[in-house]
Structure formats: structure tokens, C-alpha cells
Amino acid sequence: MSMNPIEIGAGVVLALCSIVIVLVVLVQESKDDGLTSAIGGGYNDSFYGKNTGNTREAKLNKLTRNAAIVLFILTVAVNIIHGYLNK
């Protein structure tokens, strides 16, 4: 059974998307503050805390979320295409 070009291209995109997710997650910092968070409640009312949408971490979070969405949608699409073509 041979794969058609659509399946090959989607497989390449899936592999690249998986690599991006792994690398971005490895680059992100841990959100576990340990004992400091337990004592202080983890509340950050600083300027940095209020502007979290513009930080590097926020951008990495958005990239992770978008890559995971693409991975999920592409995986479902490839399975549907594969099932449709191999009837």
C-alpha cells in the first residue's frame, strides 16, 4: 500500500509540528514556584505581572497552543483522508 503525496506532505508537517511543540515546551520556564507560591499565594501585582500578554512566556504559550491545535486538526484530517482513499 503506497502513500499519496497528500499523506506524505501531511506527515512531514505533523513531524515538524511535533518537533516545534517539544522544543517550545523545553524552552518554557517552569510555573512551579514551590514554597514561595504557597506562602504568598502566587499573586503577582507588579507591572510585569499585569502585562503578561506581551512577555516572552506569553508568546511561547501561544505558539505551543497553536502548534497543538494544528497537530490535532492535521492528525484528524490525515486519518479521514487515509480512510477515504483506502476504501
PDB file of N, CA and C in Angstrom:
ATOM      1  N   MET A   1       0.843  -1.158   0.000  1.00  0.00           N
ATOM      2  CA  MET A   1       0.000   0.000   0.000  1.00  0.00           C
ATOM      3  C   MET A   1       0.904   1.242   0.000  1.00  0.00           C
ATOM      4  N   SER A   2       0.763   2.092  -0.984  1.00  0.00           N
ATOM      5  CA  SER A   2       1.609   3.277  -1.073  1.00  0.00           C
ATOM      6  C   SER A   2       0.853   4.505  -0.569  1.00  0.00           C
ATOM      7  N   MET A   3       1.635   5.469  -0.129  1.00  0.00           N
ATOM      8  CA  MET A   3       1.050   6.708   0.372  1.00  0.00           C
ATOM      9  C   MET A   3       0.999   7.723  -0.759  1.00  0.00           C
ATOM     10  N   ASN A   4      -0.064   8.498  -0.803  1.00  0.00           N
ATOM     11  CA  ASN A   4      -0.161   9.531  -1.823  1.00  0.00           C
ATOM     12  C   ASN A   4       0.573  10.789  -1.349  1.00  0.00           C
ATOM     13  N   PRO A   5       0.803  11.751  -2.224  1.00  0.00           N
ATOM     14  CA  PRO A   5       1.570  12.955  -1.855  1.00  0.00           C
ATOM     15  C   PRO A   5       0.935  13.765  -0.730  1.00  0.00           C
ATOM     16  N   ILE A   6      -0.397  13.747  -0.623  1.00  0.00           N
ATOM     17  CA  ILE A   6      -1.065  14.483   0.446  1.00  0.00           C
ATOM     18  C   ILE A   6      -0.687  13.887   1.800  1.00  0.00           C
ATOM     19  N   GLU A   7      -0.687  12.577   1.892  1.00  0.00           N
ATOM     20  CA  GLU A   7      -0.333  11.919   3.144  1.00  0.00           C
ATOM     21  C   GLU A   7       1.136  12.138   3.504  1.00  0.00           C
ATOM     22  N   ILE A   8       1.992  12.121   2.505  1.00  0.00           N
ATOM     23  CA  ILE A   8       3.421  12.359   2.748  1.00  0.00           C
ATOM     24  C   ILE A   8       3.638  13.791   3.240  1.00  0.00           C
ATOM     25  N   GLY A   9       3.030  14.753   2.568  1.00  0.00           N
ATOM     26  CA  GLY A   9       3.155  16.157   2.982  1.00  0.00           C
ATOM     27  C   GLY A   9       2.597  16.397   4.368  1.00  0.00           C
ATOM     28  N   ALA A  10       1.439  15.798   4.655  1.00  0.00           N
ATOM     29  CA  ALA A  10       0.841  15.947   5.980  1.00  0.00           C
ATOM     30  C   ALA A  10       1.713  15.286   7.041  1.00  0.00           C
ATOM     31  N   GLY A  11       2.332  14.165   6.700  1.00  0.00           N
ATOM     32  CA  GLY A  11       3.228  13.503   7.643  1.00  0.00           C
ATOM     33  C   GLY A  11       4.442  14.359   7.968  1.00  0.00           C
ATOM     34  N   VAL A  12       4.972  15.035   6.965  1.00  0.00           N
ATOM     35  CA  VAL A  12       6.114  15.928   7.181  1.00  0.00           C
ATOM     36  C   VAL A  12       5.696  17.096   8.083  1.00  0.00           C
ATOM     37  N   VAL A  13       4.528  17.677   7.804  1.00  0.00           N
ATOM     38  CA  VAL A  13       4.041  18.793   8.621  1.00  0.00           C
ATOM     39  C   VAL A  13       3.777  18.327  10.056  1.00  0.00           C
ATOM     40  N   LEU A  14       3.226  17.125  10.221  1.00  0.00           N
ATOM     41  CA  LEU A  14       2.995  16.576  11.558  1.00  0.00           C
ATOM     42  C   LEU A  14       4.312  16.407  12.314  1.00  0.00           C
ATOM     43  N   ALA A  15       5.322  15.897  11.638  1.00  0.00           N
ATOM     44  CA  ALA A  15       6.625  15.712  12.282  1.00  0.00           C
ATOM     45  C   ALA A  15       7.229  17.059  12.686  1.00  0.00           C
ATOM     46  N   LEU A  16       7.160  18.045  11.807  1.00  0.00           N
ATOM     47  CA  LEU A  16       7.696  19.369  12.118  1.00  0.00           C
ATOM     48  C   LEU A  16       6.933  20.020  13.270  1.00  0.00           C
ATOM     49  N   CYS A  17       5.616  19.867  13.253  1.00  0.00           N
ATOM     50  CA  CYS A  17       4.786  20.432  14.313  1.00  0.00           C
ATOM     51  C   CYS A  17       5.114  19.777  15.656  1.00  0.00           C
ATOM     52  N   SER A  18       5.340  18.486  15.646  1.00  0.00           N
ATOM     53  CA  SER A  18       5.706  17.771  16.872  1.00  0.00           C
ATOM     54  C   SER A  18       7.042  18.252  17.407  1.00  0.00           C
ATOM     55  N   ILE A  19       7.992  18.447  16.523  1.00  0.00           N
ATOM     56  CA  ILE A  19       9.315  18.940  16.930  1.00  0.00           C
ATOM     57  C   ILE A  19       9.203  20.346  17.514  1.00  0.00           C
ATOM     58  N   VAL A  20       8.392  21.197  16.884  1.00  0.00           N
ATOM     59  CA  VAL A  20       8.202  22.564  17.384  1.00  0.00           C
ATOM     60  C   VAL A  20       7.603  22.533  18.785  1.00  0.00           C
ATOM     61  N   ILE A  21       6.599  21.685  18.996  1.00  0.00           N
ATOM     62  CA  ILE A  21       5.977  21.599  20.320  1.00  0.00           C
ATOM     63  C   ILE A  21       6.991  21.162  21.364  1.00  0.00           C
ATOM     64  N   VAL A  22       7.773  20.148  21.062  1.00  0.00           N
ATOM     65  CA  VAL A  22       8.772  19.658  22.021  1.00  0.00           C
ATOM     66  C   VAL A  22       9.785  20.756  22.340  1.00  0.00           C
ATOM     67  N   LEU A  23      10.301  21.435  21.328  1.00  0.00           N
ATOM     68  CA  LEU A  23      11.309  22.466  21.551  1.00  0.00           C
ATOM     69  C   LEU A  23      10.753  23.654  22.329  1.00  0.00           C
ATOM     70  N   VAL A  24       9.536  24.079  21.998  1.00  0.00           N
ATOM     71  CA  VAL A  24       8.947  25.232  22.685  1.00  0.00           C
ATOM     72  C   VAL A  24       8.653  24.898  24.139  1.00  0.00           C
ATOM     73  N   VAL A  25       8.173  23.697  24.400  1.00  0.00           N
ATOM     74  CA  VAL A  25       7.897  23.302  25.783  1.00  0.00           C
ATOM     75  C   VAL A  25       9.205  23.217  26.582  1.00  0.00           C
ATOM     76  N   LEU A  26      10.272  22.745  25.966  1.00  0.00           N
ATOM     77  CA  LEU A  26      11.557  22.681  26.657  1.00  0.00           C
ATOM     78  C   LEU A  26      12.120  24.061  26.965  1.00  0.00           C
ATOM     79  N   VAL A  27      11.832  25.046  26.130  1.00  0.00           N
ATOM     80  CA  VAL A  27      12.347  26.393  26.322  1.00  0.00           C
ATOM     81  C   VAL A  27      11.582  27.129  27.420  1.00  0.00           C
ATOM     82  N   GLN A  28      10.319  26.789  27.616  1.00  0.00           N
ATOM     83  CA  GLN A  28       9.498  27.488  28.605  1.00  0.00           C
ATOM     84  C   GLN A  28      10.005  27.227  30.017  1.00  0.00           C
ATOM     85  N   GLU A  29       9.813  28.233  30.866  1.00  0.00           N
ATOM     86  CA  GLU A  29      10.205  28.114  32.255  1.00  0.00           C
ATOM     87  C   GLU A  29       9.110  27.395  33.037  1.00  0.00           C
ATOM     88  N   SER A  30       9.500  26.773  34.125  1.00  0.00           N
ATOM     89  CA  SER A  30       8.546  26.085  34.991  1.00  0.00           C
ATOM     90  C   SER A  30       7.656  27.100  35.693  1.00  0.00           C
ATOM     91  N   LYS A  31       6.382  26.770  35.854  1.00  0.00           N
ATOM     92  CA  LYS A  31       5.462  27.658  36.556  1.00  0.00           C
ATOM     93  C   LYS A  31       5.332  27.286  38.019  1.00  0.00           C
ATOM     94  N   ASP A  32       6.083  26.306  38.450  1.00  0.00           N
ATOM     95  CA  ASP A  32       6.033  25.869  39.840  1.00  0.00           C
ATOM     96  C   ASP A  32       6.917  26.778  40.679  1.00  0.00           C
ATOM     97  N   ASP A  33       6.301  27.558  41.570  1.00  0.00           N
ATOM     98  CA  ASP A  33       7.054  28.471  42.414  1.00  0.00           C
ATOM     99  C   ASP A  33       7.443  27.850  43.748  1.00  0.00           C
ATOM    100  N   GLY A  34       6.966  26.655  44.010  1.00  0.00           N
ATOM    101  CA  GLY A  34       7.327  25.958  45.235  1.00  0.00           C
ATOM    102  C   GLY A  34       6.730  26.598  46.469  1.00  0.00           C
ATOM    103  N   LEU A  35       7.545  26.699  47.509  1.00  0.00           N
ATOM    104  CA  LEU A  35       7.087  27.201  48.795  1.00  0.00           C
ATOM    105  C   LEU A  35       6.725  28.679  48.728  1.00  0.00           C
ATOM    106  N   THR A  36       7.382  29.443  47.892  1.00  0.00           N
ATOM    107  CA  THR A  36       7.078  30.861  47.758  1.00  0.00           C
ATOM    108  C   THR A  36       5.633  31.069  47.335  1.00  0.00           C
ATOM    109  N   SER A  37       5.160  30.276  46.408  1.00  0.00           N
ATOM    110  CA  SER A  37       3.784  30.384  45.943  1.00  0.00           C
ATOM    111  C   SER A  37       2.797  29.968  47.018  1.00  0.00           C
ATOM    112  N   ALA A  38       3.155  28.969  47.809  1.00  0.00           N
ATOM    113  CA  ALA A  38       2.261  28.505  48.865  1.00  0.00           C
ATOM    114  C   ALA A  38       2.111  29.551  49.964  1.00  0.00           C
ATOM    115  N   ILE A  39       3.189  30.236  50.302  1.00  0.00           N
ATOM    116  CA  ILE A  39       3.146  31.244  51.364  1.00  0.00           C
ATOM    117  C   ILE A  39       2.478  32.521  50.867  1.00  0.00           C
ATOM    118  N   GLY A  40       2.898  32.981  49.704  1.00  0.00           N
ATOM    119  CA  GLY A  40       2.389  34.245  49.191  1.00  0.00           C
ATOM    120  C   GLY A  40       1.136  34.102  48.354  1.00  0.00           C
ATOM    121  N   GLY A  41       0.717  32.914  48.076  1.00  0.00           N
ATOM    122  CA  GLY A  41      -0.482  32.710  47.271  1.00  0.00           C
ATOM    123  C   GLY A  41      -0.230  32.812  45.784  1.00  0.00           C
ATOM    124  N   GLY A  42       1.003  33.044  45.393  1.00  0.00           N
ATOM    125  CA  GLY A  42       1.324  33.113  43.972  1.00  0.00           C
ATOM    126  C   GLY A  42       0.784  34.358  43.298  1.00  0.00           C
ATOM    127  N   TYR A  43       0.459  35.389  44.050  1.00  0.00           N
ATOM    128  CA  TYR A  43      -0.125  36.607  43.491  1.00  0.00           C
ATOM    129  C   TYR A  43       0.982  37.566  43.099  1.00  0.00           C
ATOM    130  N   ASN A  44       0.940  38.029  41.868  1.00  0.00           N
ATOM    131  CA  ASN A  44       1.958  38.948  41.377  1.00  0.00           C
ATOM    132  C   ASN A  44       1.265  40.198  40.860  1.00  0.00           C
ATOM    133  N   ASP A  45       1.359  41.291  41.611  1.00  0.00           N
ATOM    134  CA  ASP A  45       0.671  42.520  41.241  1.00  0.00           C
ATOM    135  C   ASP A  45       1.640  43.554  40.685  1.00  0.00           C
ATOM    136  N   SER A  46       2.744  43.105  40.133  1.00  0.00           N
ATOM    137  CA  SER A  46       3.727  44.033  39.587  1.00  0.00           C
ATOM    138  C   SER A  46       3.357  44.406  38.158  1.00  0.00           C
ATOM    139  N   PHE A  47       4.081  45.360  37.620  1.00  0.00           N
ATOM    140  CA  PHE A  47       3.876  45.758  36.229  1.00  0.00           C
ATOM    141  C   PHE A  47       4.088  44.573  35.304  1.00  0.00           C
ATOM    142  N   TYR A  48       5.100  43.780  35.602  1.00  0.00           N
ATOM    143  CA  TYR A  48       5.389  42.600  34.801  1.00  0.00           C
ATOM    144  C   TYR A  48       4.225  41.614  34.858  1.00  0.00           C
ATOM    145  N   GLY A  49       3.630  41.449  36.017  1.00  0.00           N
ATOM    146  CA  GLY A  49       2.513  40.523  36.176  1.00  0.00           C
ATOM    147  C   GLY A  49       1.265  40.980  35.450  1.00  0.00           C
ATOM    148  N   LYS A  50       1.068  42.299  35.367  1.00  0.00           N
ATOM    149  CA  LYS A  50      -0.120  42.828  34.689  1.00  0.00           C
ATOM    150  C   LYS A  50       0.006  42.784  33.172  1.00  0.00           C
ATOM    151  N   ASN A  51       1.206  42.777  32.655  1.00  0.00           N
ATOM    152  CA  ASN A  51       1.436  42.796  31.212  1.00  0.00           C
ATOM    153  C   ASN A  51       1.966  41.466  30.711  1.00  0.00           C
ATOM    154  N   THR A  52       1.357  40.379  31.154  1.00  0.00           N
ATOM    155  CA  THR A  52       1.855  39.058  30.781  1.00  0.00           C
ATOM    156  C   THR A  52       1.567  38.709  29.325  1.00  0.00           C
ATOM    157  N   GLY A  53       0.675  39.424  28.660  1.00  0.00           N
ATOM    158  CA  GLY A  53       0.362  39.130  27.266  1.00  0.00           C
ATOM    159  C   GLY A  53       1.471  39.500  26.309  1.00  0.00           C
ATOM    160  N   ASN A  54       2.387  40.355  26.739  1.00  0.00           N
ATOM    161  CA  ASN A  54       3.460  40.824  25.863  1.00  0.00           C
ATOM    162  C   ASN A  54       4.799  40.187  26.166  1.00  0.00           C
ATOM    163  N   THR A  55       4.847  39.268  27.100  1.00  0.00           N
ATOM    164  CA  THR A  55       6.115  38.687  27.510  1.00  0.00           C
ATOM    165  C   THR A  55       6.524  37.542  26.590  1.00  0.00           C
ATOM    166  N   ARG A  56       7.752  37.142  26.769  1.00  0.00           N
ATOM    167  CA  ARG A  56       8.286  36.001  26.005  1.00  0.00           C
ATOM    168  C   ARG A  56       7.505  34.730  26.331  1.00  0.00           C
ATOM    169  N   GLU A  57       7.187  34.552  27.615  1.00  0.00           N
ATOM    170  CA  GLU A  57       6.437  33.367  28.041  1.00  0.00           C
ATOM    171  C   GLU A  57       5.054  33.328  27.415  1.00  0.00           C
ATOM    172  N   ALA A  58       4.396  34.478  27.316  1.00  0.00           N
ATOM    173  CA  ALA A  58       3.065  34.519  26.704  1.00  0.00           C
ATOM    174  C   ALA A  58       3.145  34.133  25.231  1.00  0.00           C
ATOM    175  N   LYS A  59       4.184  34.605  24.563  1.00  0.00           N
ATOM    176  CA  LYS A  59       4.351  34.260  23.150  1.00  0.00           C
ATOM    177  C   LYS A  59       4.646  32.771  22.983  1.00  0.00           C
ATOM    178  N   LEU A  60       5.454  32.208  23.884  1.00  0.00           N
ATOM    179  CA  LEU A  60       5.740  30.773  23.823  1.00  0.00           C
ATOM    180  C   LEU A  60       4.479  29.955  24.116  1.00  0.00           C
ATOM    181  N   ASN A  61       3.659  30.429  25.055  1.00  0.00           N
ATOM    182  CA  ASN A  61       2.405  29.743  25.352  1.00  0.00           C
ATOM    183  C   ASN A  61       1.471  29.747  24.144  1.00  0.00           C
ATOM    184  N   LYS A  62       1.385  30.894  23.464  1.00  0.00           N
ATOM    185  CA  LYS A  62       0.540  30.984  22.271  1.00  0.00           C
ATOM    186  C   LYS A  62       1.065  30.077  21.169  1.00  0.00           C
ATOM    187  N   LEU A  63       2.380  30.043  20.997  1.00  0.00           N
ATOM    188  CA  LEU A  63       2.977  29.179  19.981  1.00  0.00           C
ATOM    189  C   LEU A  63       2.700  27.710  20.288  1.00  0.00           C
ATOM    190  N   THR A  64       2.823  27.331  21.557  1.00  0.00           N
ATOM    191  CA  THR A  64       2.540  25.954  21.959  1.00  0.00           C
ATOM    192  C   THR A  64       1.088  25.602  21.678  1.00  0.00           C
ATOM    193  N   ARG A  65       0.177  26.484  22.091  1.00  0.00           N
ATOM    194  CA  ARG A  65      -1.249  26.243  21.879  1.00  0.00           C
ATOM    195  C   ARG A  65      -1.582  26.118  20.387  1.00  0.00           C
ATOM    196  N   ASN A  66      -1.067  27.027  19.580  1.00  0.00           N
ATOM    197  CA  ASN A  66      -1.365  26.999  18.148  1.00  0.00           C
ATOM    198  C   ASN A  66      -0.774  25.765  17.471  1.00  0.00           C
ATOM    199  N   ALA A  67       0.430  25.386  17.854  1.00  0.00           N
ATOM    200  CA  ALA A  67       1.042  24.186  17.279  1.00  0.00           C
ATOM    201  C   ALA A  67       0.267  22.935  17.676  1.00  0.00           C
ATOM    202  N   ALA A  68      -0.228  22.888  18.904  1.00  0.00           N
ATOM    203  CA  ALA A  68      -1.024  21.737  19.341  1.00  0.00           C
ATOM    204  C   ALA A  68      -2.347  21.671  18.593  1.00  0.00           C
ATOM    205  N   ILE A  69      -2.967  22.817  18.336  1.00  0.00           N
ATOM    206  CA  ILE A  69      -4.211  22.845  17.574  1.00  0.00           C
ATOM    207  C   ILE A  69      -3.978  22.362  16.152  1.00  0.00           C
ATOM    208  N   VAL A  70      -2.909  22.842  15.525  1.00  0.00           N
ATOM    209  CA  VAL A  70      -2.577  22.405  14.159  1.00  0.00           C
ATOM    210  C   VAL A  70      -2.294  20.903  14.142  1.00  0.00           C
ATOM    211  N   LEU A  71      -1.554  20.423  15.132  1.00  0.00           N
ATOM    212  CA  LEU A  71      -1.237  19.000  15.218  1.00  0.00           C
ATOM    213  C   LEU A  71      -2.513  18.170  15.320  1.00  0.00           C
ATOM    214  N   PHE A  72      -3.433  18.583  16.179  1.00  0.00           N
ATOM    215  CA  PHE A  72      -4.685  17.848  16.367  1.00  0.00           C
ATOM    216  C   PHE A  72      -5.525  17.847  15.093  1.00  0.00           C
ATOM    217  N   ILE A  73      -5.734  19.023  14.512  1.00  0.00           N
ATOM    218  CA  ILE A  73      -6.575  19.125  13.313  1.00  0.00           C
ATOM    219  C   ILE A  73      -5.958  18.353  12.153  1.00  0.00           C
ATOM    220  N   LEU A  74      -4.652  18.469  11.980  1.00  0.00           N
ATOM    221  CA  LEU A  74      -3.986  17.769  10.886  1.00  0.00           C
ATOM    222  C   LEU A  74      -4.017  16.259  11.079  1.00  0.00           C
ATOM    223  N   THR A  75      -3.893  15.802  12.319  1.00  0.00           N
ATOM    224  CA  THR A  75      -3.965  14.365  12.588  1.00  0.00           C
ATOM    225  C   THR A  75      -5.346  13.816  12.234  1.00  0.00           C
ATOM    226  N   VAL A  76      -6.390  14.521  12.640  1.00  0.00           N
ATOM    227  CA  VAL A  76      -7.754  14.093  12.306  1.00  0.00           C
ATOM    228  C   VAL A  76      -7.966  14.117  10.793  1.00  0.00           C
ATOM    229  N   ALA A  77      -7.497  15.177  10.136  1.00  0.00           N
ATOM    230  CA  ALA A  77      -7.662  15.295   8.684  1.00  0.00           C
ATOM    231  C   ALA A  77      -6.931  14.175   7.942  1.00  0.00           C
ATOM    232  N   VAL A  78      -5.719  13.851   8.374  1.00  0.00           N
ATOM    233  CA  VAL A  78      -4.959  12.774   7.714  1.00  0.00           C
ATOM    234  C   VAL A  78      -5.676  11.439   7.883  1.00  0.00           C
ATOM    235  N   ASN A  79      -6.213  11.193   9.068  1.00  0.00           N
ATOM    236  CA  ASN A  79      -6.945   9.939   9.282  1.00  0.00           C
ATOM    237  C   ASN A  79      -8.197   9.861   8.431  1.00  0.00           C
ATOM    238  N   ILE A  80      -8.894  10.972   8.290  1.00  0.00           N
ATOM    239  CA  ILE A  80     -10.090  10.987   7.432  1.00  0.00           C
ATOM    240  C   ILE A  80      -9.715  10.775   5.980  1.00  0.00           C
ATOM    241  N   ILE A  81      -8.682  11.463   5.519  1.00  0.00           N
ATOM    242  CA  ILE A  81      -8.224  11.314   4.130  1.00  0.00           C
ATOM    243  C   ILE A  81      -7.745   9.901   3.863  1.00  0.00           C
ATOM    244  N   HIS A  82      -6.995   9.348   4.797  1.00  0.00           N
ATOM    245  CA  HIS A  82      -6.472   7.981   4.635  1.00  0.00           C
ATOM    246  C   HIS A  82      -7.623   6.975   4.574  1.00  0.00           C
ATOM    247  N   GLY A  83      -8.614   7.151   5.437  1.00  0.00           N
ATOM    248  CA  GLY A  83      -9.771   6.252   5.422  1.00  0.00           C
ATOM    249  C   GLY A  83     -10.580   6.397   4.139  1.00  0.00           C
ATOM    250  N   TYR A  84     -10.701   7.623   3.637  1.00  0.00           N
ATOM    251  CA  TYR A  84     -11.453   7.870   2.426  1.00  0.00           C
ATOM    252  C   TYR A  84     -10.745   7.292   1.200  1.00  0.00           C
ATOM    253  N   LEU A  85      -9.434   7.430   1.119  1.00  0.00           N
ATOM    254  CA  LEU A  85      -8.681   6.966  -0.045  1.00  0.00           C
ATOM    255  C   LEU A  85      -8.498   5.453  -0.069  1.00  0.00           C
ATOM    256  N   ASN A  86      -8.582   4.798   1.058  1.00  0.00           N
ATOM    257  CA  ASN A  86      -8.332   3.364   1.107  1.00  0.00           C
ATOM    258  C   ASN A  86      -9.613   2.536   1.229  1.00  0.00           C
ATOM    259  N   LYS A  87     -10.716   3.066   0.751  1.00  0.00           N
ATOM    260  CA  LYS A  87     -11.977   2.319   0.754  1.00  0.00           C
ATOM    261  C   LYS A  87     -12.020   1.354  -0.401  1.00  0.00           C
TER     262      LYS A  87
END
